[in-house]
Amino acid sequence: MSCAPDGGTTPALALAPMTRALCRRYFRDFESDPAVCADVRTYRPFRYSDEWADAYFDRQRDRDRVHLAVTERGEPVGEVIFKNLDRASGVCTLSVHLQNDAAKGRGVGTQTERLALAYAFGELGMDTVRADALLHNTRSRHVMEKVGFRLVREDGAFACYEIARAEFLRSGPGR
């Protein structure tokens, strides 16, 4: 699944199954973001190794997960994980991570979430997608609200969101 540029300001993005090679390429240029640390005092810069990337890739290969790479012109710039997949009830949890600051602030996150929701509702047949963000991660929360997620509760340090298939289709997947 891909997204075409909108007059040159939003990059062409695609979702592809995450492979070991893509996972390694994604994490080679990965930079951890203090905004995703519950306690910024525990923040540590990311240090890459092939062994770490391979172990991470192996952990994501689970029956209740779908792990996708977000690519821009064939190069990984992010990852999408659908976890806690409950096909019987049609519910899953979405997790989106962008590679580094070069992928932020230019529409990649918004387009990625739109592509991810289209994939969840179309390819996976989900009825509801859930997601959460740290309360202080205003960038992530803004993107979720922008694509149609609604806040359902605040739980400790997290803001919990969800969107139903009908809401997503009503709002227009490409908006």
Foldseek 3Di string as FASTA:
>chain_A
DWDPDDVPQAFIKDKDQDDLVLLLQLQVQAWDDCQQDLDSVPDDTDDDDSVVSNVVVVVQPDPQKTKIFMDGVRHGFKIWMWGPHDLVQQETEIDIDGRDCVCPDRCNLLLVVLNVLCCSCPVVVHFKYKYKGFPSNVRNVVSCVVQPWDFDDADVRMTITMDGPVRNVVVPSVD
